[in-house]
Amino acid sequence: MTHMKELTHTNAKGEARMVDVSDKSETSRVAEAEATVLMKPETLNRVMEGNIGKGDTLAVARVAGIQAAKKTSDLIPLCHPLALSKVTVSFRRDSPEILVIHTLCKVSGKTGVEMEALLAASTAALTIYDMCKAIERGIQITNLRMVSKSGGQSGDWSRS
């Protein structure tokens, strides 16, 4: 049987709690996440060309992702509010029907930015769905996942 780490967001009674980070030192922390959006090649062509009736889909999704990262503590109950120093949202077409959203969040602080990177990726993906649903209802959002993180007591981690 492998040793499991303690859950940080529960107390001894198993009740939810916000982690006390007051004694932690500030370090530079970076997290990267991605989400995949699957759609028909014709729809993705229109997205890449900026030819969706509601406007430039990728520009709107980029802003939505950045905005979401900044609002993470408003949506995820036990997250600390963070003064993010950097948020990027980029897009890569991996095949005729696959769009990958990549996010990066950076902070100098006492807690990590994994949730901010994940929320940015998922919100950008949801925004793409919202802007494209009139022409394709079957769009799928998949593979929301952490790519890497650095900084903090637990050190660096990478999916590779």
Protein backbone atom coordinates (compact mmCIF):
# COMPACT_ATOMS: atom_id res chain seq x y z
CA MET A 1 0.00 0.00 0.00
CA THR A 2 1.40 3.39 -0.98
CA HIS A 3 1.59 6.27 1.48
CA MET A 4 -0.99 8.96 0.71
CA LYS A 5 -0.41 12.61 1.55
CA GLU A 6 -2.79 14.38 3.88
CA LEU A 7 -5.54 16.39 2.23
CA THR A 8 -4.79 20.05 2.88
CA HIS A 9 -8.35 21.36 2.54
CA THR A 10 -9.87 19.32 5.38
CA ASN A 11 -9.36 19.49 9.13
CA ALA A 12 -8.97 16.52 11.52
CA LYS A 13 -12.75 16.00 11.49
CA GLY A 14 -12.85 15.92 7.68
CA GLU A 15 -14.51 19.35 7.44
CA ALA A 16 -13.63 21.74 4.63
CA ARG A 17 -11.18 24.50 5.52
CA MET A 18 -9.07 27.13 3.86
CA VAL A 19 -5.37 26.37 4.28
CA ASP A 20 -3.49 28.81 6.53
CA VAL A 21 -0.58 30.09 4.44
CA SER A 22 0.46 32.90 6.80
CA ASP A 23 3.70 31.18 7.84
CA LYS A 24 4.74 30.27 4.30
CA SER A 25 7.37 32.35 2.52
CA GLU A 26 6.62 34.02 -0.79
CA THR A 27 8.16 32.30 -3.79
CA SER A 28 7.78 32.60 -7.54
CA ARG A 29 5.12 30.14 -8.66
CA VAL A 30 4.09 29.18 -12.18
CA ALA A 31 1.43 26.76 -13.40
CA GLU A 32 0.49 25.64 -16.90
CA ALA A 33 -2.71 23.86 -17.92
CA GLU A 34 -4.50 22.82 -21.08
CA ALA A 35 -7.90 21.88 -22.39
CA THR A 36 -8.84 20.34 -25.72
CA VAL A 37 -11.82 21.40 -27.81
CA LEU A 38 -13.06 18.95 -30.46
CA MET A 39 -15.23 20.20 -33.32
CA LYS A 40 -15.91 19.66 -37.01
CA PRO A 41 -13.07 20.83 -39.28
CA GLU A 42 -15.43 23.35 -40.93
CA THR A 43 -16.22 24.90 -37.55
CA LEU A 44 -12.57 25.03 -36.50
CA ASN A 45 -11.66 26.59 -39.86
CA ARG A 46 -14.15 29.37 -39.14
CA VAL A 47 -12.78 29.82 -35.62
CA MET A 48 -9.20 30.07 -36.90
CA GLU A 49 -10.27 32.56 -39.60
CA GLY A 50 -12.21 34.68 -37.10
CA ASN A 51 -15.35 34.01 -39.15
CA ILE A 52 -17.91 33.22 -36.43
CA GLY A 53 -20.91 35.57 -36.39
CA LYS A 54 -20.37 36.62 -32.76
CA GLY A 55 -16.86 38.00 -33.39
CA ASP A 56 -13.24 36.88 -33.05
CA THR A 57 -13.72 33.67 -31.06
CA LEU A 58 -10.10 33.22 -30.01
CA ALA A 59 -9.72 36.86 -28.89
CA VAL A 60 -12.87 36.64 -26.77
CA ALA A 61 -11.84 33.23 -25.35
CA ARG A 62 -8.38 34.62 -24.49
CA VAL A 63 -9.88 37.54 -22.55
CA ALA A 64 -12.40 35.22 -20.85
CA GLY A 65 -9.59 32.90 -19.73
CA ILE A 66 -7.53 35.77 -18.33
CA GLN A 67 -10.58 37.17 -16.54
CA ALA A 68 -11.42 33.74 -15.09
CA ALA A 69 -7.90 33.28 -13.70
CA LYS A 70 -8.23 36.61 -11.89
CA LYS A 71 -11.59 35.55 -10.39
CA THR A 72 -10.64 32.03 -9.28
CA SER A 73 -11.09 32.67 -5.56
CA ASP A 74 -14.63 33.94 -6.27
CA LEU A 75 -15.58 30.62 -7.88
CA ILE A 76 -13.52 27.93 -6.13
CA PRO A 77 -14.51 28.21 -2.45
CA LEU A 78 -11.22 27.35 -0.72
CA CYS A 79 -8.81 29.20 -3.05
CA HIS A 80 -6.92 32.21 -1.76
CA PRO A 81 -7.24 35.48 -3.70
CA LEU A 82 -4.00 36.03 -5.61
CA ALA A 83 -2.44 39.09 -7.22
CA LEU A 84 -1.42 37.36 -10.45
CA SER A 85 1.61 38.83 -12.17
CA LYS A 86 1.04 37.04 -15.50
CA VAL A 87 -1.71 35.13 -17.29
CA THR A 88 -1.42 33.89 -20.87
CA VAL A 89 -3.93 31.97 -22.95
CA SER A 90 -2.79 30.57 -26.29
CA PHE A 91 -4.29 28.29 -28.93
CA ARG A 92 -2.79 25.52 -31.06
CA ARG A 93 -4.51 23.58 -33.79
CA ASP A 94 -3.37 19.97 -33.43
CA SER A 95 -5.44 18.48 -36.26
CA PRO A 96 -8.34 19.46 -38.53
CA GLU A 97 -10.76 19.01 -35.61
CA ILE A 98 -8.64 19.58 -32.47
CA LEU A 99 -7.92 22.92 -30.83
CA VAL A 100 -5.68 22.89 -27.75
CA ILE A 101 -5.89 25.75 -25.27
CA HIS A 102 -2.72 26.35 -23.23
CA THR A 103 -2.66 28.62 -20.18
CA LEU A 104 0.12 29.90 -17.96
CA CYS A 105 -0.33 31.70 -14.65
CA LYS A 106 2.42 33.27 -12.57
CA VAL A 107 2.49 34.82 -9.08
CA SER A 108 4.93 35.68 -6.36
CA GLY A 109 3.08 34.40 -3.34
CA LYS A 110 2.48 31.90 -0.58
CA THR A 111 0.25 29.50 -2.53
CA GLY A 112 0.22 27.98 -6.00
CA VAL A 113 -1.61 29.00 -9.16
CA GLU A 114 -2.75 25.59 -10.44
CA MET A 115 -6.44 26.36 -10.00
CA GLU A 116 -6.04 29.69 -11.81
CA ALA A 117 -4.42 27.97 -14.81
CA LEU A 118 -7.10 25.26 -14.89
CA LEU A 119 -9.96 27.75 -14.58
CA ALA A 120 -8.45 29.90 -17.35
CA ALA A 121 -8.26 26.88 -19.70
CA SER A 122 -11.77 25.65 -18.92
CA THR A 123 -13.33 29.10 -19.23
CA ALA A 124 -11.61 29.74 -22.56
CA ALA A 125 -12.95 26.37 -23.77
CA LEU A 126 -16.48 27.16 -22.55
CA THR A 127 -16.32 30.54 -24.29
CA ILE A 128 -15.41 28.85 -27.57
CA TYR A 129 -18.38 26.52 -27.12
CA ASP A 130 -20.68 29.47 -26.39
CA MET A 131 -19.55 31.37 -29.45
CA CYS A 132 -19.79 28.35 -31.77
CA LYS A 133 -22.86 26.50 -30.47
CA ALA A 134 -25.18 28.11 -33.04
CA ILE A 135 -23.28 26.37 -35.84
CA GLU A 136 -22.25 23.17 -33.98
CA ARG A 137 -23.92 21.89 -30.82
CA GLY A 138 -21.77 18.74 -30.66
CA ILE A 139 -18.51 20.46 -29.71
CA GLN A 140 -16.68 18.53 -26.97
CA ILE A 141 -14.40 19.90 -24.28
CA THR A 142 -11.93 17.26 -23.09
CA ASN A 143 -8.56 16.71 -21.40
CA LEU A 144 -8.62 19.58 -18.92
CA ARG A 145 -5.36 18.97 -17.11
CA MET A 146 -2.29 20.40 -15.46
CA VAL A 147 0.81 20.47 -17.66
CA SER A 148 3.34 21.67 -15.08
CA LYS A 149 3.87 23.68 -11.93
CA SER A 150 6.90 25.17 -10.24
CA GLY A 151 7.64 26.83 -6.92
CA GLY A 152 6.41 26.26 -3.42
CA GLN A 153 7.14 23.60 -0.82
CA SER A 154 6.14 20.70 -3.05
CA GLY A 155 8.62 21.81 -5.73
CA ASP A 156 8.35 21.33 -9.46
CA TRP A 157 6.07 18.91 -11.28
CA SER A 158 5.62 18.18 -14.97
CA ARG A 159 3.28 15.87 -16.86
CA SER A 160 6.13 14.84 -19.19
